[in-house]
C-alpha cells in the first residue's frame, strides 16, 4: 500500500483525490472497494472526516487476465517500454467495458495479451489514460503502471500531452479557425452533444490542408485544447461542416459510402513519465481513409500537407 500524512482536515474523498490527482469518482471506487485505510482502519465511507496528521494508506487492484469475451481483433503497437504502450486503434473498437457494452474492448485485448496495466482508473479502465470514440481511429497511449498513469494524467491537465487529428469534411472551411464554444448534452437527442451556453468549456483549432479534386471535400487537421465528448464533431457541426461518414451529426451524402466517421488521431505527443524525454508518435492511416484520399485528392499534395511540420503548432 502507498501512504501519506494529511496536512489538512476534511472529507476523505476530497483529500485523497487531491493527493493522488485522480477524480472523485475514481477515489470513491477505491474507498467502496475497501482499499483505503486511515490510521490502520479500513474506511468505506467517502465522507469520513480526516484530521491533520492522519495517516492515509491506499492501494490499487492488480489487472487480472479476462477471457470471458472473444477478442477477435488485433491492434497495431506503435511503441512499447516498461511504462507506456502506444497503439493505433482501429475503427469499431470501444476503449473500455461498460454495462451497455457487449463486445470485447481495447482493455479486453490488452489483458488478453498479458500486457501489464495501471489500475488507477478502476477495474474496467485498466491502463486507460484518455479515450477515442468507437468509430475514430488512431494513436492512444496506455499506462503500464500507476506512476506512469498519474504522470500522464497530469500532462493531460497541463496540456503537455495531446493529439492532432486528421478529418475529411463535406465542405471546405473558409479559413483556419479556432472555435471556442461550450459543449453539453443535447436535450433533443441524448446520443449527441451540442454547443450550449451553460455547457463545459471547449476549444478546438481547425486548419485547412488539402482540397479534393472533385465534390468539394477537404482534408483538415484538428487540435483539441480541451477534451469534451465528440468535441471535433460538435464544433464542426457548429460551423455547418460535417465529417464524412458522421451520420449522427448530419452527414448524409449517399455518394460517399463510408461505414465510419473519417476522423483519425494522427500525431500523439507526450513527455515520457520516467525519462522526461519529449516523444512524438505518428499513427499510420487505415485503408478506408487512404482509399478515400486516393480517390478524391491529389496524394502528392496530401503527403506533403500531413508532414508533422505542417500540422504541429508550436
Protein backbone atom coordinates (compact mmCIF):
# COMPACT_ATOMS: atom_id res chain seq x y z
CA UNK A 1 0.00 0.00 0.00
CA UNK A 2 1.05 3.61 -0.61
CA UNK A 3 0.61 6.14 2.18
CA UNK A 4 0.81 9.82 3.08
CA UNK A 5 0.16 12.02 6.09
CA UNK A 6 -2.66 14.51 5.66
CA UNK A 7 -1.70 18.16 6.05
CA UNK A 8 -5.32 19.29 6.22
CA UNK A 9 -8.69 18.25 7.59
CA UNK A 10 -11.80 17.47 5.57
CA UNK A 11 -13.59 14.71 3.66
CA UNK A 12 -11.56 11.59 2.85
CA UNK A 13 -12.55 11.53 -0.84
CA UNK A 14 -11.63 15.19 -1.36
CA UNK A 15 -8.25 14.90 0.35
CA UNK A 16 -7.33 11.59 -1.34
CA UNK A 17 -8.43 12.86 -4.76
CA UNK A 18 -6.19 15.89 -4.36
CA UNK A 19 -3.22 13.84 -3.13
CA UNK A 20 -3.22 11.23 -5.93
CA UNK A 21 -4.52 13.59 -8.64
CA UNK A 22 -7.48 11.42 -9.59
CA UNK A 23 -11.20 12.14 -10.00
CA UNK A 24 -13.59 11.87 -7.07
CA UNK A 25 -15.38 9.02 -8.87
CA UNK A 26 -12.16 7.01 -9.08
CA UNK A 27 -11.35 7.71 -5.44
CA UNK A 28 -14.91 6.78 -4.38
CA UNK A 29 -14.43 3.40 -6.08
CA UNK A 30 -11.19 2.81 -4.15
CA UNK A 31 -13.00 3.58 -0.91
CA UNK A 32 -16.02 1.45 -1.84
CA UNK A 33 -13.71 -1.48 -2.65
CA UNK A 34 -12.19 -1.14 0.87
CA UNK A 35 -8.75 -0.29 -0.48
CA UNK A 36 -8.27 2.77 1.74
CA UNK A 37 -7.20 2.85 5.38
CA UNK A 38 -6.98 5.73 7.85
CA UNK A 39 -4.64 5.21 10.80
CA UNK A 40 -4.69 1.49 10.09
CA UNK A 41 -8.52 1.19 9.93
CA UNK A 42 -10.29 0.32 6.65
CA UNK A 43 -12.71 3.10 5.71
CA UNK A 44 -15.68 2.51 3.41
CA UNK A 45 -17.34 5.94 3.52
CA UNK A 46 -16.17 8.73 1.21
CA UNK A 47 -17.45 11.35 3.66
CA UNK A 48 -15.24 10.11 6.50
CA UNK A 49 -13.68 13.13 8.24
CA UNK A 50 -9.89 13.35 8.09
CA UNK A 51 -7.86 15.25 10.68
CA UNK A 52 -4.45 16.86 10.28
CA UNK A 53 -1.63 14.28 10.66
CA UNK A 54 -3.92 11.30 9.94
CA UNK A 55 -2.08 8.57 8.01
CA UNK A 56 -3.93 7.52 4.86
CA UNK A 57 -3.00 4.33 3.03
CA UNK A 58 -4.38 3.22 -0.34
CA UNK A 59 -3.73 0.56 -2.96
CA UNK A 60 -4.90 -0.39 -6.45
CA UNK A 61 -6.11 -3.79 -7.56
CA UNK A 62 -3.96 -5.73 -9.99
CA UNK A 63 -5.33 -6.15 -13.50
CA UNK A 64 -6.35 -9.75 -14.00
CA UNK A 65 -6.47 -11.71 -17.22
CA UNK A 66 -10.02 -11.88 -18.54
CA UNK A 67 -11.11 -14.30 -21.25
CA UNK A 68 -14.91 -14.08 -20.94
CA UNK A 69 -15.32 -12.17 -24.22
CA UNK A 70 -13.97 -13.33 -27.56
CA UNK A 71 -11.20 -10.92 -28.58
CA UNK A 72 -11.43 -11.32 -32.36
CA UNK A 73 -9.34 -8.32 -33.44
CA UNK A 74 -5.75 -7.20 -33.20
CA UNK A 75 -4.23 -3.77 -32.62
CA UNK A 76 -1.01 -2.34 -34.05
CA UNK A 77 1.55 -1.42 -31.41
CA UNK A 78 3.47 1.73 -32.33
CA UNK A 79 5.73 1.80 -29.26
CA UNK A 80 6.22 -0.10 -26.00
CA UNK A 81 8.51 0.02 -22.99
CA UNK A 82 8.15 -0.74 -19.27
CA UNK A 83 5.99 2.34 -18.65
CA UNK A 84 3.83 3.02 -21.69
CA UNK A 85 2.27 1.37 -24.71
CA UNK A 86 1.19 3.39 -27.77
CA UNK A 87 -1.29 1.76 -30.15
CA UNK A 88 -3.02 2.63 -33.42
CA UNK A 89 -6.65 1.95 -32.54
CA UNK A 90 -8.79 0.55 -35.37
CA UNK A 91 -12.36 1.65 -36.04
CA UNK A 92 -15.14 -0.26 -34.29
CA UNK A 93 -13.20 -0.93 -31.10
CA UNK A 94 -14.56 0.52 -27.85
CA UNK A 95 -11.89 1.57 -25.36
CA UNK A 96 -13.15 0.03 -22.11
CA UNK A 97 -16.03 -2.10 -20.78
CA UNK A 98 -19.32 -0.57 -19.63
CA UNK A 99 -22.72 -2.07 -18.69
CA UNK A 100 -24.07 -1.40 -22.20
CA UNK A 101 -21.02 -2.86 -23.99
CA UNK A 102 -21.39 -6.49 -25.04
CA UNK A 103 -18.32 -6.94 -27.25
CA UNK A 104 -14.62 -7.13 -26.44
CA UNK A 105 -12.93 -3.78 -25.84
CA UNK A 106 -9.38 -2.46 -26.08
CA UNK A 107 -8.95 -3.20 -22.36
CA UNK A 108 -10.02 -6.82 -23.01
CA UNK A 109 -7.42 -7.02 -25.79
CA UNK A 110 -4.71 -5.62 -23.52
CA UNK A 111 -5.49 -8.10 -20.74
CA UNK A 112 -5.83 -10.95 -23.25
CA UNK A 113 -2.30 -10.12 -24.48
CA UNK A 114 -0.98 -10.23 -20.91
CA UNK A 115 0.21 -6.62 -21.03
CA UNK A 116 0.98 -5.05 -17.65
CA UNK A 117 -1.52 -2.27 -16.91
CA UNK A 118 -2.07 0.51 -14.40
CA UNK A 119 -5.05 0.11 -12.08
CA UNK A 120 -5.52 3.71 -11.01
CA UNK A 121 -8.70 4.20 -13.07
CA UNK A 122 -10.55 1.19 -11.65
CA UNK A 123 -11.14 -2.37 -12.74
CA UNK A 124 -12.90 -1.63 -16.04
CA UNK A 125 -10.43 1.00 -17.25
CA UNK A 126 -7.06 -0.63 -16.57
CA UNK A 127 -4.33 1.40 -18.26
CA UNK A 128 -6.68 3.91 -19.91
CA UNK A 129 -5.44 7.49 -19.62
CA UNK A 130 -7.51 9.03 -22.44
CA UNK A 131 -10.11 7.79 -24.92
CA UNK A 132 -11.09 7.79 -28.60
CA UNK A 133 -14.65 7.28 -29.88
CA UNK A 134 -15.57 3.81 -31.16
CA UNK A 135 -15.53 4.80 -34.86
CA UNK A 136 -12.49 7.07 -34.61
CA UNK A 137 -9.06 5.60 -35.31
CA UNK A 138 -5.56 6.49 -34.30
CA UNK A 139 -2.94 6.99 -31.62
CA UNK A 140 -3.68 6.22 -27.99
CA UNK A 141 -1.28 5.80 -25.06
CA UNK A 142 -1.80 3.17 -22.36
CA UNK A 143 -0.16 3.35 -18.92
CA UNK A 144 1.51 0.13 -17.78
CA UNK A 145 1.90 1.15 -14.13
CA UNK A 146 0.28 3.59 -11.72
CA UNK A 147 3.21 6.00 -11.57
CA UNK A 148 3.16 6.39 -15.36
CA UNK A 149 -0.63 6.76 -15.31
CA UNK A 150 -0.54 9.56 -12.75
CA UNK A 151 2.17 11.48 -14.61
CA UNK A 152 0.36 11.14 -17.95
CA UNK A 153 -2.88 12.31 -16.32
CA UNK A 154 -1.04 15.39 -15.08
CA UNK A 155 0.17 16.02 -18.63
CA UNK A 156 -3.41 15.92 -19.89
CA UNK A 157 -4.27 18.59 -17.35
CA UNK A 158 -1.34 20.89 -18.13
CA UNK A 159 -1.60 20.25 -21.91
CA UNK A 160 1.94 18.87 -22.28
CA UNK A 161 0.32 15.75 -23.81
CA UNK A 162 -2.10 15.94 -26.71
CA UNK A 163 -3.05 14.84 -30.21
CA UNK A 164 -3.51 16.27 -33.69
CA UNK A 165 -6.31 14.73 -35.74
CA UNK A 166 -6.95 14.42 -39.45
CA UNK A 167 -10.51 14.59 -40.78
CA UNK A 168 -12.17 14.66 -44.19
CA UNK A 169 -15.12 17.05 -44.20
CA UNK A 170 -18.03 17.62 -46.59
CA UNK A 171 -17.48 21.31 -47.29
CA UNK A 172 -14.27 23.40 -47.15
CA UNK A 173 -13.61 25.74 -44.26
CA UNK A 174 -13.50 29.43 -45.18
CA UNK A 175 -10.20 29.77 -43.32
CA UNK A 176 -8.20 28.28 -40.48
CA UNK A 177 -10.25 28.85 -37.36
CA UNK A 178 -10.30 28.47 -33.58
CA UNK A 179 -13.71 27.52 -32.17
CA UNK A 180 -14.19 28.38 -28.50
CA UNK A 181 -17.75 27.28 -27.71
CA UNK A 182 -19.03 25.39 -24.61
CA UNK A 183 -20.37 21.86 -25.12
CA UNK A 184 -23.10 19.94 -23.28
CA UNK A 185 -25.54 17.08 -23.75
CA UNK A 186 -28.26 17.70 -26.35
CA UNK A 187 -31.76 17.77 -24.88
CA UNK A 188 -33.26 16.82 -28.25
CA UNK A 189 -31.09 13.71 -28.74
CA UNK A 190 -29.31 12.21 -25.73
CA UNK A 191 -26.83 10.44 -28.02
CA UNK A 192 -25.48 13.79 -29.18
CA UNK A 193 -23.55 16.66 -27.69
CA UNK A 194 -24.14 20.25 -28.79
CA UNK A 195 -22.97 23.82 -28.25
CA UNK A 196 -24.69 25.11 -25.11
CA UNK A 197 -24.29 28.40 -23.27
CA UNK A 198 -24.18 26.55 -19.94
CA UNK A 199 -22.02 23.69 -21.23
CA UNK A 200 -18.40 22.91 -20.36
CA UNK A 201 -15.59 24.99 -21.87
CA UNK A 202 -14.40 23.58 -25.20
CA UNK A 203 -11.78 24.92 -27.60
CA UNK A 204 -10.68 23.47 -30.96
CA UNK A 205 -8.33 24.58 -33.73
CA UNK A 206 -9.08 23.58 -37.34
CA UNK A 207 -6.60 24.05 -40.20
CA UNK A 208 -7.11 23.63 -43.93
CA UNK A 209 -4.75 21.09 -45.52
CA UNK A 210 -5.95 19.94 -48.96
CA UNK A 211 -9.00 20.31 -51.22
CA UNK A 212 -10.36 17.34 -53.15
CA UNK A 213 -10.19 17.29 -56.95
CA UNK A 214 -13.98 16.90 -57.09
CA UNK A 215 -17.00 17.16 -54.76
CA UNK A 216 -15.50 20.00 -52.64
CA UNK A 217 -14.29 17.72 -49.88
CA UNK A 218 -11.46 18.95 -47.67
CA UNK A 219 -8.77 17.32 -45.57
CA UNK A 220 -8.23 19.29 -42.36
CA UNK A 221 -6.26 18.94 -39.15
CA UNK A 222 -7.73 19.49 -35.69
CA UNK A 223 -6.10 20.19 -32.34
CA UNK A 224 -8.06 19.97 -29.09
CA UNK A 225 -7.29 22.32 -26.23
CA UNK A 226 -9.98 20.59 -24.13
CA UNK A 227 -11.28 17.02 -24.18
CA UNK A 228 -15.06 17.06 -24.42
CA UNK A 229 -17.10 14.15 -25.80
CA UNK A 230 -17.45 14.39 -29.62
CA UNK A 231 -15.73 17.80 -29.45
CA UNK A 232 -14.36 17.89 -33.02
CA UNK A 233 -17.66 16.69 -34.48
CA UNK A 234 -19.74 19.17 -32.44
CA UNK A 235 -17.57 22.18 -33.24
CA UNK A 236 -17.53 21.32 -36.95
CA UNK A 237 -21.32 20.97 -36.91
CA UNK A 238 -21.48 24.40 -35.27
CA UNK A 239 -19.60 25.71 -38.34
CA UNK A 240 -22.03 23.94 -40.69
CA UNK A 241 -19.42 21.31 -41.59
CA UNK A 242 -19.53 17.55 -41.06
CA UNK A 243 -17.02 14.74 -41.17
CA UNK A 244 -17.54 12.23 -43.98
CA UNK A 245 -19.40 9.23 -42.57
CA UNK A 246 -20.70 11.07 -39.50
CA UNK A 247 -24.43 10.45 -39.77
CA UNK A 248 -25.05 11.31 -36.09
CA UNK A 249 -24.05 14.93 -36.62
CA UNK A 250 -25.60 15.45 -40.01
CA UNK A 251 -23.62 13.93 -42.87
CA UNK A 252 -26.00 12.10 -45.24
CA UNK A 253 -24.50 12.28 -48.75
CA UNK A 254 -25.01 8.84 -50.33
CA UNK A 255 -22.22 9.45 -52.87
CA UNK A 256 -19.71 8.59 -50.17
CA UNK A 257 -20.12 5.03 -48.93
CA UNK A 258 -18.44 5.14 -45.55
CA UNK A 259 -19.01 2.79 -42.67
CA UNK A 260 -17.45 5.09 -40.10
CA UNK A 261 -16.51 8.65 -39.24
CA UNK A 262 -13.39 9.66 -41.20
CA UNK A 263 -11.55 11.01 -38.18
CA UNK A 264 -8.05 9.84 -37.23
CA UNK A 265 -5.84 10.71 -34.23
CA UNK A 266 -2.70 11.18 -36.33
CA UNK A 267 0.00 12.65 -34.07
CA UNK A 268 0.37 11.97 -30.34
CA UNK A 269 2.89 13.92 -28.29
CA UNK A 270 3.81 13.45 -24.63
CA UNK A 271 6.64 13.55 -22.11
CA UNK A 272 7.91 10.11 -21.11
CA UNK A 273 6.83 9.55 -17.48
CA UNK A 274 10.22 8.10 -16.44
CA UNK A 275 12.86 9.72 -18.65
CA UNK A 276 11.26 13.16 -19.07
CA UNK A 277 12.01 12.97 -22.80
CA UNK A 278 9.59 14.64 -25.23
CA UNK A 279 8.15 11.99 -27.55
CA UNK A 280 6.05 12.09 -30.71
CA UNK A 281 4.21 9.24 -32.43
CA UNK A 282 2.56 9.15 -35.86
CA UNK A 283 -0.28 6.67 -36.36
CA UNK A 284 -0.50 5.45 -39.99
CA UNK A 285 -3.82 5.98 -41.75
CA UNK A 286 -6.13 2.99 -42.12
CA UNK A 287 -7.04 1.61 -45.54
CA UNK A 288 -10.55 3.12 -45.75
CA UNK A 289 -9.28 6.65 -45.17
CA UNK A 290 -6.33 6.13 -47.53
CA UNK A 291 -8.69 4.86 -50.23
CA UNK A 292 -10.95 7.90 -49.90
CA UNK A 293 -7.96 10.24 -50.15
CA UNK A 294 -6.55 8.32 -53.13
CA UNK A 295 -9.88 8.52 -54.99
CA UNK A 296 -10.65 12.18 -54.41
CA UNK A 297 -7.43 14.04 -53.59
CA UNK A 298 -4.02 14.75 -55.09
CA UNK A 299 -1.98 12.34 -52.99
CA UNK A 300 1.31 14.16 -53.60
CA UNK A 301 -0.20 17.26 -52.05
CA UNK A 302 -1.76 15.24 -49.22
CA UNK A 303 1.54 13.55 -48.36
CA UNK A 304 3.21 16.97 -48.24
CA UNK A 305 0.49 18.58 -46.14
CA UNK A 306 0.33 15.83 -43.49
CA UNK A 307 4.00 16.08 -42.62
CA UNK A 308 4.24 16.89 -38.89
CA UNK A 309 5.94 20.25 -39.51
CA UNK A 310 2.84 21.38 -41.43
CA UNK A 311 0.42 20.31 -38.70
CA UNK A 312 2.02 20.87 -35.32
CA UNK A 313 1.51 24.33 -33.82
CA UNK A 314 4.39 25.46 -31.62
